[in-house]
Amino acid sequence: MALALRRKLHESVVYIDRDSAPRIIPSGEDFLLEDLPVGTRVIYPKPPIKGLPNREAAIRYAINHPLDCDPLYAQLEPGMRVTIALDDISLPLPPMATPDVRQTVLEILLDMLASHGVTDIHIIIANSLHRKMTPAEMKRMVGAKIFDEFYPDRYYNHDAEDPDGLVFIGETQHKEPLRINRRAAESDLLIYVNINLVPMDGGHKSVAVGLCDYESLRAHHEPQTIRDSDSYFDPQRSALNHKVTRLGKLVDRTLNVFHIETALNNRMYTGQMDFLLKNEDDFTSFDRMKFEAVRFAMSKMPRAAKRKLLHSIPAQYEMIACYAGRTEPVHEKILQKNFEQYSIPINGQCDILITGIPHISPYNVNSILNPLLVQVMGLGYFHNMYRGKPLLKKGGVLILHHPCYDEFDHEFHPSYIEFFNRLLPETRDAFTLREKYEREFAENPSYIQMYRRGHAYHGAHPFFMWYWGENGRQHVGRVIVAGAENAHVPEILGWERADNLQEAIAMARSYMGRSAEITMLHQPLIAVCEVE
């Protein structure tokens, strides 16, 4: 079938029908040009939905015309206590160009609160067990004016280990406990400002997860729940989402919560990096020149410098929707917009799935993508980017392209180092790790202090990251890492290693047969594959 005919299946899916078909594959901090076999299906992101022409007006309209509740201005009274909670730096990825949409929402909210005589206002970053954001990151998120007025006494990170700063609000009928931030729980009004980058964000997850403690999170961030989530990106089939929804309903019965949810398009790069979002067959001469220039420049840079450069390039996302009001009707509207941007119809599963692993994940902004996070991206996120059925057949081969360097950030990920080097060599079984070691790490005084006083992820966080790949581990037959610079990291993760992509494909075909169907997820990609 000719390429033009195959493109009619969907504008985001193409088939390679030439002997040599090079494709750009991100591999950590590098961009490689690799040939794929004839017949390979390549899945590209859908073109960005056009952003709203005036996001300030859209936000104001949503706040004044909320779903299933009174307008925000009608709920305000002088002297009331108001808390505004924000998503943390884990989204969007990469961090968006300023002004961040959270800054825009805050400016509108604070102006409205002031005009109604509300002065008791706190702004809390809902970081849960993620690392606390640095002052510089906090300032970039909300702008200098808001930062200078509220930081540090009234603009701060949530602390999931502060015994005086948490309050128990109840448990679900399934005995799932929920303890959340005291200031948020005891406010007359809690306003949550959300960015819904993918369908697993937002909704009941915002308060019930973002502002909770370890014991609350432990009830649903566990291996069996992850195994039963089919997939995270399909809320109706996600056991994780069902548990979080139960907790969120408890929140809504107990607190007065006003949700403001926003959806972004996938306009990740423009300018000198816009070639990353294109089909390589459509490259102009200028695109090829830009790619070669970027590749040459980065080949001369030390790894740390390349990492810093890539983290410094902001995404050019645009807001495509904003709704406000009660949790469920708001989230339903935003999910519709998410799927409009990300859903890609796919005809059939594949035997071999190839994907590069980019430099960034929700858990390493301004940091290193360590081996555990490579596992999260491959088995946790990219495997789960589907609705209906997985893109890869049961028992198929997943090929990841990444150097798998044995590097960790000692400030951000200290407990990851012990988890990877001490625990995984003993066992990779998620249930054994949970029962035998999780509480030891969660209650380790050093890890607690590094989380509370520094910028470290919680001591239990590497366990949750390992569980995050549990669904993929049970489904995928083999994982082969192409381009791994050492044998140590793949071996500890339970993976096989190949020097390059061609060798990895040959290995996969030896397992699955020469006629195996091959699909590549073109990165960077935010998509939900609707597999028929």
Protein backbone atom coordinates (compact mmCIF):
# COMPACT_ATOMS: atom_id res chain seq x y z
CA MET A 1 0.00 0.00 0.00
CA ALA A 2 1.41 3.39 -0.89
CA LEU A 3 2.29 5.81 1.86
CA ALA A 4 -0.31 8.33 0.69
CA LEU A 5 -3.07 5.71 0.90
CA ARG A 6 -1.98 4.52 4.30
CA ARG A 7 -2.05 8.07 5.59
CA LYS A 8 -5.79 8.13 4.95
CA LEU A 9 -6.20 5.81 7.94
CA HIS A 10 -5.33 8.74 10.15
CA GLU A 11 -3.22 11.85 9.76
CA SER A 12 -1.14 10.80 12.79
CA VAL A 13 -0.31 7.28 11.56
CA VAL A 14 2.06 6.53 8.68
CA TYR A 15 3.62 3.34 7.37
CA ILE A 16 7.16 3.04 6.17
CA ASP A 17 7.23 1.56 2.67
CA ARG A 18 10.83 2.23 1.66
CA ASP A 19 14.03 0.30 2.18
CA SER A 20 15.51 3.08 4.29
CA ALA A 21 13.31 5.24 6.50
CA PRO A 22 15.24 7.25 9.11
CA ARG A 23 13.34 8.56 12.10
CA ILE A 24 14.47 10.82 14.94
CA ILE A 25 14.56 8.96 18.24
CA PRO A 26 15.19 10.83 21.51
CA SER A 27 17.53 8.91 23.77
CA GLY A 28 18.07 10.72 27.03
CA GLU A 29 19.74 14.04 26.20
CA ASP A 30 20.53 13.04 22.61
CA PHE A 31 18.61 12.89 19.32
CA LEU A 32 19.47 9.98 17.04
CA LEU A 33 18.55 9.28 13.43
CA GLU A 34 17.70 5.60 13.08
CA ASP A 35 16.47 3.46 10.16
CA LEU A 36 13.30 1.43 10.68
CA PRO A 37 12.28 -1.71 8.76
CA VAL A 38 9.89 -1.49 5.83
CA GLY A 39 6.28 -1.86 6.98
CA THR A 40 6.84 -0.22 10.38
CA ARG A 41 3.84 1.76 11.60
CA VAL A 42 4.79 5.15 13.08
CA ILE A 43 2.37 7.00 15.37
CA TYR A 44 2.73 10.77 15.50
CA PRO A 45 0.89 13.23 17.75
CA LYS A 46 -2.19 14.93 16.34
CA PRO A 47 -1.74 18.53 15.22
CA PRO A 48 -2.31 21.04 18.03
CA ILE A 49 -5.84 22.30 18.52
CA LYS A 50 -5.85 26.06 18.10
CA GLY A 51 -5.51 27.83 21.44
CA LEU A 52 -8.23 30.12 22.78
CA PRO A 53 -7.68 33.67 21.51
CA ASN A 54 -8.11 35.23 24.96
CA ARG A 55 -7.38 32.90 27.85
CA GLU A 56 -8.05 35.57 30.49
CA ALA A 57 -11.59 36.04 29.15
CA ALA A 58 -12.12 32.27 29.03
CA ILE A 59 -11.02 31.89 32.65
CA ARG A 60 -13.27 34.74 33.81
CA TYR A 61 -16.22 33.28 31.94
CA ALA A 62 -15.67 29.85 33.52
CA ILE A 63 -15.46 31.31 37.03
CA ASN A 64 -18.60 33.40 36.50
CA HIS A 65 -20.55 30.59 34.78
CA PRO A 66 -19.56 27.48 36.76
CA LEU A 67 -21.02 24.01 36.40
CA ASP A 68 -23.44 22.81 39.09
CA CYS A 69 -22.74 25.55 41.66
CA ASP A 70 -23.02 29.28 42.29
CA PRO A 71 -20.57 31.66 40.59
CA LEU A 72 -17.42 32.22 42.59
CA TYR A 73 -18.23 35.86 43.34
CA ALA A 74 -21.53 34.76 44.94
CA GLN A 75 -19.64 32.50 47.36
CA LEU A 76 -17.30 35.20 48.67
CA GLU A 77 -17.76 37.14 51.91
CA PRO A 78 -15.45 39.55 53.73
CA GLY A 79 -13.36 37.87 56.41
CA MET A 80 -13.70 34.32 55.08
CA ARG A 81 -10.72 31.97 54.93
CA VAL A 82 -9.77 30.91 51.39
CA THR A 83 -7.08 28.49 50.25
CA ILE A 84 -5.98 28.16 46.64
CA ALA A 85 -4.21 24.90 45.75
CA LEU A 86 -2.12 24.50 42.59
CA ASP A 87 -0.68 21.57 40.65
CA ASP A 88 3.07 21.24 41.14
CA ILE A 89 5.96 21.29 38.66
CA SER A 90 5.30 17.70 37.53
CA LEU A 91 3.07 19.18 34.82
CA PRO A 92 2.94 20.39 32.16
CA LEU A 93 6.02 18.83 30.58
CA PRO A 94 8.23 20.57 29.71
CA PRO A 95 7.28 23.57 31.90
CA MET A 96 5.31 26.01 29.78
CA ALA A 97 6.46 29.40 28.61
CA THR A 98 5.60 32.21 30.99
CA PRO A 99 3.12 33.38 31.97
CA ASP A 100 2.13 29.94 33.18
CA VAL A 101 -1.62 29.40 32.98
CA ARG A 102 -1.63 29.05 36.80
CA GLN A 103 -0.30 32.59 37.06
CA THR A 104 -3.11 33.86 34.84
CA VAL A 105 -5.76 32.09 36.91
CA LEU A 106 -4.23 33.34 40.17
CA GLU A 107 -4.13 36.95 39.00
CA ILE A 108 -7.84 36.80 38.20
CA LEU A 109 -8.71 35.01 41.46
CA LEU A 110 -6.71 37.31 43.72
CA ASP A 111 -8.23 40.39 42.11
CA MET A 112 -11.74 38.99 42.66
CA LEU A 113 -11.01 37.99 46.26
CA ALA A 114 -9.61 41.42 47.08
CA SER A 115 -12.64 43.17 45.59
CA HIS A 116 -14.89 41.14 47.92
CA GLY A 117 -12.92 41.91 51.06
CA VAL A 118 -11.24 38.50 51.35
CA THR A 119 -7.75 38.89 52.82
CA ASP A 120 -7.09 35.57 54.59
CA ILE A 121 -5.65 33.78 51.55
CA HIS A 122 -3.07 31.01 51.33
CA ILE A 123 -1.64 29.50 48.14
CA ILE A 124 -0.48 25.88 48.50
CA ILE A 125 1.37 23.74 45.97
CA ALA A 126 -0.30 20.31 45.95
CA ASN A 127 2.94 18.33 45.66
CA SER A 128 1.78 15.31 47.73
CA LEU A 129 4.89 13.09 48.15
CA HIS A 130 6.71 14.75 45.26
CA ARG A 131 9.67 16.96 46.04
CA LYS A 132 8.97 20.46 47.23
CA MET A 133 9.48 23.08 44.56
CA THR A 134 12.40 25.47 44.93
CA PRO A 135 11.77 29.20 45.46
CA ALA A 136 12.95 29.92 41.91
CA GLU A 137 10.53 27.35 40.48
CA MET A 138 7.71 28.73 42.61
CA LYS A 139 8.42 32.27 41.44
CA ARG A 140 8.45 31.24 37.79
CA MET A 141 5.09 29.49 38.17
CA VAL A 142 3.14 32.45 39.58
CA GLY A 143 5.19 35.49 38.57
CA ALA A 144 7.26 37.92 40.62
CA LYS A 145 4.35 40.06 41.91
CA ILE A 146 2.39 37.19 43.48
CA PHE A 147 5.55 35.52 44.73
CA ASP A 148 6.79 38.65 46.47
CA GLU A 149 3.41 39.26 48.12
CA PHE A 150 2.71 35.75 49.39
CA TYR A 151 5.99 33.81 49.72
CA PRO A 152 6.93 32.21 52.11
CA ASP A 153 4.22 32.57 54.77
CA ARG A 154 1.18 32.39 52.48
CA TYR A 155 2.64 30.66 49.41
CA TYR A 156 4.28 27.35 50.20
CA ASN A 157 4.56 23.64 49.44
CA HIS A 158 2.26 21.06 51.01
CA ASP A 159 4.04 18.99 53.68
CA ALA A 160 2.78 15.41 53.83
CA GLU A 161 4.87 14.74 56.95
CA ASP A 162 3.79 17.70 59.09
CA PRO A 163 1.84 16.19 62.03
CA ASP A 164 0.27 19.54 62.92
CA GLY A 165 -0.47 20.48 59.33
CA LEU A 166 -2.66 17.49 58.50
CA VAL A 167 -6.18 16.50 59.52
CA PHE A 168 -8.11 13.24 59.16
CA ILE A 169 -11.38 13.80 57.31
CA GLY A 170 -12.66 10.23 57.14
CA GLU A 171 -12.50 7.01 55.17
CA THR A 172 -14.42 5.47 52.30
CA GLN A 173 -16.77 2.51 52.55
CA HIS A 174 -13.76 0.41 51.51
CA LYS A 175 -11.83 1.61 54.59
CA GLU A 176 -9.49 3.80 52.53
CA PRO A 177 -8.33 6.59 54.87
CA LEU A 178 -7.90 10.21 53.89
CA ARG A 179 -5.84 12.77 55.76
CA ILE A 180 -5.19 16.05 53.98
CA ASN A 181 -3.67 19.48 54.46
CA ARG A 182 -5.20 21.14 57.56
CA ARG A 183 -5.25 24.65 56.14
CA ALA A 184 -7.12 23.43 53.04
CA ALA A 185 -9.56 21.31 55.07
CA GLU A 186 -10.37 24.08 57.56
CA SER A 187 -10.90 26.84 54.99
CA ASP A 188 -14.31 28.24 54.21
CA LEU A 189 -13.51 27.74 50.53
CA LEU A 190 -10.88 25.64 48.79
CA ILE A 191 -10.17 26.62 45.19
CA TYR A 192 -8.17 24.10 43.16
CA VAL A 193 -6.38 25.29 40.00
CA ASN A 194 -5.58 22.37 37.72
CA ILE A 195 -3.74 21.77 34.45
CA ASN A 196 -5.06 18.61 32.82
CA LEU A 197 -2.12 17.58 30.63
CA VAL A 198 -3.32 13.96 30.24
CA PRO A 199 -6.60 12.17 31.12
CA MET A 200 -5.26 10.82 34.42
CA ASP A 201 -4.81 14.36 35.80
CA GLY A 202 -7.38 16.52 37.54
CA GLY A 203 -10.81 15.71 38.86
CA HIS A 204 -11.01 14.00 42.25
CA LYS A 205 -7.26 13.29 42.07
CA SER A 206 -6.43 16.96 42.63
CA VAL A 207 -7.32 17.35 46.32
CA ALA A 208 -7.47 13.71 47.42
CA VAL A 209 -3.96 12.96 46.10
CA GLY A 210 -2.23 16.33 45.82
CA LEU A 211 -2.89 17.36 49.44
CA CYS A 212 -2.79 13.98 51.23
CA ASP A 213 -0.22 12.11 53.37
CA TYR A 214 1.66 8.82 52.95
CA GLU A 215 -0.95 6.57 54.58
CA SER A 216 -3.69 7.97 52.35
CA LEU A 217 -1.62 7.56 49.19
CA ARG A 218 -0.57 4.04 50.16
CA ALA A 219 -4.18 2.85 49.97
CA HIS A 220 -4.28 3.17 46.18
CA HIS A 221 -0.67 3.52 45.00
CA GLU A 222 -0.06 -0.20 45.37
CA PRO A 223 0.74 -3.09 42.99
CA GLN A 224 -2.66 -4.74 42.69
CA THR A 225 -4.44 -1.47 41.95
CA ILE A 226 -1.92 -0.69 39.23
CA ARG A 227 -2.27 -4.19 37.74
CA ASP A 228 -6.03 -3.68 37.62
CA SER A 229 -5.80 -0.32 35.84
CA ASP A 230 -6.41 -0.89 32.14
CA SER A 231 -5.18 1.80 31.54
CA TYR A 232 -4.34 4.95 33.56
CA PHE A 233 -5.35 6.99 30.52
CA ASP A 234 -8.82 5.43 30.40
CA PRO A 235 -10.55 6.62 33.60
CA GLN A 236 -13.52 4.28 33.19
CA ARG A 237 -11.20 1.22 33.18
CA SER A 238 -8.71 2.45 35.78
CA ALA A 239 -8.90 0.87 39.23
CA LEU A 240 -6.65 3.68 40.43
CA ASN A 241 -9.15 6.25 39.20
CA HIS A 242 -12.04 4.38 40.87
CA LYS A 243 -10.28 4.45 44.25
CA VAL A 244 -9.33 8.11 43.90
CA THR A 245 -12.92 8.94 42.94
CA ARG A 246 -14.18 7.38 46.18
CA LEU A 247 -11.76 9.55 48.15
CA GLY A 248 -12.67 12.61 46.10
CA LYS A 249 -16.36 12.16 46.82
CA LEU A 250 -15.46 12.09 50.51
CA VAL A 251 -13.65 15.41 50.00
CA ASP A 252 -16.66 16.95 48.28
CA ARG A 253 -18.99 15.85 51.08
CA THR A 254 -16.70 17.37 53.70
CA LEU A 255 -15.23 20.50 52.10
CA ASN A 256 -16.47 23.37 49.97
CA VAL A 257 -14.32 22.90 46.85
CA PHE A 258 -14.42 25.05 43.72
CA HIS A 259 -12.48 23.47 40.84
CA ILE A 260 -10.92 25.40 37.99
CA GLU A 261 -9.61 22.98 35.36
CA THR A 262 -7.75 23.86 32.21
CA ALA A 263 -6.75 21.82 29.16
CA LEU A 264 -3.73 22.52 26.97
CA ASN A 265 -2.95 21.60 23.40
CA ASN A 266 0.20 19.67 22.46
CA ARG A 267 2.11 22.59 20.92
CA MET A 268 5.24 21.52 22.75
CA TYR A 269 7.92 23.09 20.54
CA THR A 270 8.18 25.96 18.09
CA GLY A 271 11.07 27.81 16.52
CA GLN A 272 14.39 25.98 16.32
CA MET A 273 12.99 22.77 17.88
CA ASP A 274 9.73 22.49 15.92
CA PHE A 275 11.17 19.74 13.69
CA LEU A 276 10.73 17.33 16.61
CA LEU A 277 6.96 17.32 16.10
CA LYS A 278 7.06 16.66 12.35
CA ASN A 279 7.02 13.56 10.21
CA GLU A 280 10.57 13.24 8.94
CA ASP A 281 9.22 12.59 5.43
CA ASP A 282 7.88 16.15 5.45
CA PHE A 283 11.12 17.81 6.54
CA THR A 284 12.14 20.85 4.53
CA SER A 285 15.77 21.57 3.82
CA PHE A 286 15.68 24.05 6.68
CA ASP A 287 14.28 21.39 9.06
CA ARG A 288 17.11 19.01 8.17
CA MET A 289 19.60 21.81 8.69
CA LYS A 290 18.13 22.63 12.12
CA PHE A 291 18.23 18.98 13.17
CA GLU A 292 21.84 18.54 12.10
CA ALA A 293 22.82 21.78 13.83
CA VAL A 294 21.16 20.72 17.09
CA ARG A 295 22.65 17.24 16.90
CA PHE A 296 26.15 18.56 16.18
CA ALA A 297 26.01 21.15 18.97
CA MET A 298 24.79 18.65 21.52
CA SER A 299 27.39 16.07 20.52
CA LYS A 300 30.05 18.53 21.70
CA MET A 301 28.43 19.22 25.08
CA PRO A 302 28.93 17.33 28.36
CA ARG A 303 25.87 15.40 29.50
CA ALA A 304 25.08 17.80 32.35
CA ALA A 305 25.21 20.77 29.99
CA LYS A 306 22.89 19.07 27.48
CA ARG A 307 20.48 18.24 30.27
CA LYS A 308 20.47 21.84 31.50
CA LEU A 309 19.90 23.14 27.98
CA LEU A 310 16.95 20.84 27.31
CA HIS A 311 15.32 21.63 30.65
CA SER A 312 15.63 25.35 29.86
CA ILE A 313 13.54 25.18 26.67
CA PRO A 314 9.93 26.04 27.63
CA ALA A 315 6.95 24.40 25.96
CA GLN A 316 4.71 26.62 23.85
CA TYR A 317 1.43 25.15 25.08
CA GLU A 318 -1.81 27.06 24.58
CA MET A 319 -4.96 26.78 26.66
CA ILE A 320 -7.79 25.15 24.69
CA ALA A 321 -10.45 24.90 27.41
CA CYS A 322 -11.31 26.11 30.91
CA TYR A 323 -14.24 25.04 33.10
CA ALA A 324 -15.05 25.75 36.73
CA GLY A 325 -17.44 24.54 39.39
CA ARG A 326 -18.15 21.15 40.96
CA THR A 327 -15.59 18.41 40.53
CA GLU A 328 -17.28 15.84 38.31
CA PRO A 329 -19.07 17.97 35.67
CA VAL A 330 -15.96 20.14 35.30
CA HIS A 331 -13.67 17.16 34.89
CA GLU A 332 -15.99 15.50 32.39
CA LYS A 333 -15.85 18.57 30.13
CA ILE A 334 -12.06 18.77 30.35
CA LEU A 335 -11.65 15.05 29.60
CA GLN A 336 -13.68 15.52 26.41
CA LYS A 337 -11.19 18.19 25.32
CA ASN A 338 -8.23 16.00 26.31
CA PHE A 339 -9.42 13.13 24.16
CA GLU A 340 -10.20 15.48 21.29
CA GLN A 341 -6.53 16.50 21.31
CA TYR A 342 -4.90 13.16 22.08
CA SER A 343 -7.05 10.27 20.79
CA ILE A 344 -5.62 8.47 17.76
CA PRO A 345 -7.56 5.57 16.19
CA ILE A 346 -5.26 2.59 15.61
CA ASN A 347 -6.08 -0.46 13.52
CA GLY A 348 -4.81 -3.49 15.41
CA GLN A 349 -2.12 -4.32 17.94
CA CYS A 350 1.56 -4.90 17.24
CA ASP A 351 4.12 -7.57 18.18
CA ILE A 352 7.03 -5.17 18.69
CA LEU A 353 6.69 -1.64 20.05
CA ILE A 354 9.57 0.85 19.73
CA THR A 355 9.89 4.12 21.56
CA GLY A 356 12.64 6.51 22.47
CA ILE A 357 12.78 7.77 26.04
CA PRO A 358 13.04 11.58 26.21
CA HIS A 359 14.99 13.56 28.77
CA ILE A 360 12.03 14.51 30.96
CA SER A 361 9.28 12.87 33.01
CA PRO A 362 6.88 14.17 35.68
CA TYR A 363 9.46 13.24 38.32
CA ASN A 364 12.75 14.70 37.08
CA VAL A 365 12.05 18.29 36.09
CA ASN A 366 15.39 20.12 36.31
CA SER A 367 17.06 16.84 37.21
CA ILE A 368 18.31 13.45 35.96
CA LEU A 369 16.13 10.78 34.39
CA ASN A 370 17.51 7.99 36.56
CA PRO A 371 17.04 4.24 35.82
CA LEU A 372 13.82 3.93 37.86
CA LEU A 373 12.31 6.81 35.93
CA VAL A 374 13.31 5.28 32.60
CA GLN A 375 11.29 2.27 33.76
CA VAL A 376 8.36 4.55 34.65
CA MET A 377 8.35 6.16 31.21
CA GLY A 378 8.55 2.86 29.31
CA LEU A 379 6.36 0.46 31.29
CA GLY A 380 4.31 3.04 33.18
CA TYR A 381 3.46 5.79 30.72
CA PHE A 382 4.14 4.78 27.11
CA HIS A 383 2.76 1.25 27.54
CA ASN A 384 -0.41 2.69 29.10
CA MET A 385 -1.14 5.34 26.48
CA TYR A 386 -4.20 3.49 25.19
CA ARG A 387 -7.94 2.97 25.54
CA GLY A 388 -9.68 -0.30 24.81
CA LYS A 389 -6.70 -2.61 24.51
CA PRO A 390 -2.92 -2.15 24.71
CA LEU A 391 -1.07 -1.17 21.56
CA LEU A 392 1.37 -4.04 22.17
CA LYS A 393 0.05 -7.61 22.12
CA LYS A 394 0.24 -9.67 25.30
CA GLY A 395 3.74 -11.15 25.51
CA GLY A 396 5.11 -8.79 22.86
CA VAL A 397 8.50 -7.07 22.87
CA LEU A 398 8.98 -3.48 24.01
CA ILE A 399 12.13 -1.78 22.66
CA LEU A 400 13.25 1.32 24.54
CA HIS A 401 16.02 3.53 23.20
CA HIS A 402 18.00 5.07 26.06
CA PRO A 403 21.60 4.99 27.36
CA CYS A 404 20.40 3.83 30.81
CA TYR A 405 23.17 5.72 32.56
CA ASP A 406 23.70 4.81 36.18
CA GLU A 407 23.16 8.35 37.51
CA PHE A 408 20.97 9.71 40.30
CA ASP A 409 20.28 13.17 41.71
CA HIS A 410 21.42 13.01 45.34
CA GLU A 411 19.35 16.07 46.31
CA PHE A 412 16.07 15.16 44.60
CA HIS A 413 16.14 11.34 44.60
CA PRO A 414 18.17 10.07 47.59
CA SER A 415 15.85 7.16 48.45
CA TYR A 416 15.93 6.05 44.80
CA ILE A 417 19.64 5.31 45.13
CA GLU A 418 19.15 2.86 47.99
CA PHE A 419 16.08 1.31 46.36
CA PHE A 420 17.90 0.66 43.09
CA ASN A 421 21.22 -0.57 44.48
CA ARG A 422 20.05 -2.42 47.59
CA LEU A 423 16.52 -3.70 46.96
CA LEU A 424 16.19 -4.47 43.25
CA PRO A 425 19.21 -6.83 43.24
CA GLU A 426 17.33 -8.82 45.89
CA THR A 427 13.85 -8.81 44.32
CA ARG A 428 11.86 -7.13 41.58
CA ASP A 429 8.56 -8.47 42.92
CA ALA A 430 6.38 -5.45 43.68
CA PHE A 431 4.34 -7.19 46.40
CA THR A 432 7.47 -8.33 48.25
CA LEU A 433 8.95 -4.84 48.04
CA ARG A 434 5.74 -3.32 49.43
CA GLU A 435 5.37 -5.72 52.34
CA LYS A 436 9.02 -6.02 53.28
CA TYR A 437 10.56 -2.61 52.69
CA GLU A 438 8.09 0.18 51.86
CA ARG A 439 7.40 1.31 55.42
CA GLU A 440 11.09 1.14 56.30
CA PHE A 441 11.80 3.77 53.63
CA ALA A 442 8.65 5.79 54.38
CA GLU A 443 9.50 6.07 58.08
CA ASN A 444 13.26 6.58 57.66
CA PRO A 445 14.00 9.77 59.66
CA SER A 446 16.70 10.92 57.22
CA TYR A 447 14.45 10.59 54.20
CA ILE A 448 11.63 12.37 56.05
CA GLN A 449 13.88 15.31 56.88
CA MET A 450 15.23 15.51 53.33
CA TYR A 451 11.64 15.62 52.08
CA ARG A 452 10.50 18.19 54.66
CA ARG A 453 13.52 20.50 54.84
CA GLY A 454 15.05 20.01 51.40
CA HIS A 455 13.84 19.11 47.92
CA ALA A 456 13.85 15.31 48.05
CA TYR A 457 11.05 13.04 46.94
CA HIS A 458 9.47 11.18 49.85
CA GLY A 459 11.25 8.04 51.02
CA ALA A 460 8.39 5.86 49.74
CA HIS A 461 8.31 7.45 46.30
CA PRO A 462 10.66 5.01 44.50
CA PHE A 463 8.31 2.19 45.53
CA PHE A 464 5.37 3.94 43.90
CA MET A 465 7.50 4.44 40.80
CA TRP A 466 8.29 0.73 40.65
CA TYR A 467 4.61 -0.15 41.12
CA TRP A 468 3.80 2.30 38.31
CA GLY A 469 5.35 -0.15 35.85
CA GLU A 470 3.49 -3.18 37.24
CA ASN A 471 0.76 -3.19 34.60
CA GLY A 472 3.37 -3.12 31.86
CA ARG A 473 5.55 -5.79 33.50
CA GLN A 474 2.64 -8.21 33.58
CA HIS A 475 1.74 -7.57 29.93
CA VAL A 476 5.07 -7.20 28.12
CA GLY A 477 6.99 -10.39 27.30
CA ARG A 478 10.44 -8.80 27.01
CA VAL A 479 11.99 -5.35 27.29
CA ILE A 480 15.09 -4.64 25.20
CA VAL A 481 17.09 -1.47 25.77
CA ALA A 482 18.77 -0.23 22.60
CA GLY A 483 21.84 1.91 23.08
CA ALA A 484 22.31 1.14 26.78
CA GLU A 485 25.84 2.25 27.68
CA ASN A 486 26.23 -0.45 30.33
CA ALA A 487 24.89 -3.93 31.13
CA HIS A 488 24.43 -3.20 34.84
CA VAL A 489 21.28 -1.05 34.72
CA PRO A 490 19.24 -3.21 32.28
CA GLU A 491 20.17 -6.34 34.25
CA ILE A 492 18.93 -4.88 37.55
CA LEU A 493 15.69 -3.78 35.87
CA GLY A 494 15.20 -7.26 34.40
CA TRP A 495 15.71 -6.11 30.81
CA GLU A 496 17.86 -7.20 27.88
CA ARG A 497 20.42 -4.98 26.20
CA ALA A 498 21.37 -4.22 22.59
CA ASP A 499 24.10 -1.96 21.25
CA ASN A 500 21.77 -0.21 18.82
CA LEU A 501 18.24 -0.22 17.44
CA GLN A 502 18.99 -2.55 14.52
CA GLU A 503 20.37 -5.17 16.91
CA ALA A 504 17.35 -4.75 19.21
CA ILE A 505 14.92 -5.24 16.31
CA ALA A 506 16.80 -8.36 15.21
CA MET A 507 16.59 -9.74 18.76
CA ALA A 508 12.86 -8.96 18.95
CA ARG A 509 12.21 -10.64 15.60
CA SER A 510 14.07 -13.73 16.76
CA TYR A 511 11.49 -13.97 19.57
CA MET A 512 8.36 -12.89 17.67
CA GLY A 513 9.12 -14.06 14.11
CA ARG A 514 10.26 -12.30 10.94
CA SER A 515 6.69 -11.31 10.11
CA ALA A 516 6.14 -9.56 13.44
CA GLU A 517 4.16 -6.31 13.23
CA ILE A 518 6.30 -3.35 14.35
CA THR A 519 5.01 -0.02 15.64
CA MET A 520 6.98 3.03 16.73
CA LEU A 521 5.69 5.76 19.05
CA HIS A 522 7.26 8.91 17.68
CA GLN A 523 8.53 11.07 20.53
CA PRO A 524 7.77 13.59 21.88
CA LEU A 525 4.27 12.18 21.95
CA ILE A 526 1.24 12.80 24.12
CA ALA A 527 -1.41 10.52 22.71
CA VAL A 528 -4.06 7.99 23.65
CA CYS A 529 -4.18 5.13 21.16
CA GLU A 530 -7.74 3.96 20.51
CA VAL A 531 -6.87 0.41 19.47
CA GLU A 532 -9.53 -1.42 17.41
